[in-house]
């Protein structure tokens, strides 16, 4: 008898027994406070200094906690810091830390944050997100090896419970940034004992978040249990969180519908229409986008006319209405709607509606001919790289079909397992790749600084001196209007040269059982936050 059959019989008998019983549950009877959640592919590490994907960052947000934690409205709320003060010039933050401990019982102090941030910036760590701490005085210089003494970086402890942070310039989103995993504290003793493996082993993983890691069965599941030493453990109702590692969306759906999991993060696009008829399909806002990235080092993709032609040849409205069908919006710029502008209630997108041109087959064919490939003649067969998520292939098939029909271009779809895929991007061993980006914080900079020349995320290898100059200007601007002007100028350059081709802006469709309550599905940074979750 297979597992699925045994599960079915078990739940049938339980339901039958419940139906035959005439007794009512007593007020003292409680529901088992366990949520079974599928997160997708297995992460390579849970070290916040090294992780880059939303999968691992979602887990890190359960196991660790920074100075602040984002609340249900996406606003910074007290975390390890119980309060903070900001200087008049916006450059100095003083964080007052509450009394809290690591999962091993040792006290967590301001010095733990100093160590952790210096570790991120240490060139030997090779943190892909080190640039998030370049806002600190001497942060970039230390990471580049120009400053040798980490004590010269703008973060220091004043006693055990006070952290002083000094920035080069005011950063409007810095407080929110402290809720992002790169700025989480890590346990110095755990790292010292096993520098490479501490974050891959439950026995050595020392955290300070609402949950603790008790099991990691590779390619199967994580088991997280309530951290009784967490400073706000009274708010944590769950006793355990079982996180499965299934990266096939069809299998995930089958698990949800058979009762094996309570939350499914990525329902298959082809099932959205059917699932929408049930009250189990939920939809939440998402500050993220789907785009295709071009390797601008490789001909003919090094020709801007070719990149523009490929973009003009796709019908984005057809993609979201006939393929994805999850409420996504066609993307005609890189930064999605909902991203903050210069003032509360004013979106960045409201400042400038200059968008890339939509579906225009005639112009696409004209540009391709100007690049030397009339009707696609002589254009080499290209390879389109995807990670092996089932939802990526239908979109890729539709887009490659549009390229063939409009431009006469043949494209081969290549799928790779999650970890291999990211390695391929890092090695630049691709021509065109499907990529998604979820905002780390609510500001246009989280989308635009990806494409600075030296950004580790710039796997398109595109470079523009003027783009770099404008972003540098935005980072140093003290006037919000001047800052936004610089960011808008950078956006125009990005969309004119198109090292990336925006496809659509995500919504977040997910499946969640009705008895699951209190799970936050943020619009940025994480898939879900389980601190306040419970089973009803």
Foldseek 3Di string as FASTA:
>chain_A
DDPLVVLVVVVVVVVVVVVPDPDDDDPPDDDAWEAEAALAADDPFLQLLADDDQSSQQVVLQFAFFQFAQDLVRDTAGAQFNDWDADPQQFKIKTFGDWAPKLVRHTQFQVLLLVLLLCSLACVNVRLVQVLQLQWQCSVVNSVVNDPDSVRTQWDGDPGGMIMTGGPHHDPCNSLLRRGSSSTGADPVLCVVPVPCQRPDQVSGMYQHQWGWDDDDPQFWTKIAGRPRHPPNVLFPHGIYIYTHHQEQVVLVVCCVSVNGFKYFDHAQVCCVVCVVDPQKDWAAAFKFKWKFFQLVDPPNVDLLLLLLLQQLDALVCCCVPQRVPPWFFAQFQGDPPFCALDPPDTLCVVDVDGHDHHDLVSSQVSCVVSPQHLNPPPDAFEEEEEPRNNVVSSVVRSQVSCCVRRVHHYHYDYHHPVVSVVCLLVLVHGMYIDMDGAQGRHCCSRLVCCDQPNSNNSSNDYDPLLNVLCVCLSRDPRRVSNSVSSVVNRVVCSSSPSMRTRIRDIGIMGGDPQKDDWRCDNGSHRIDNRNIGGD
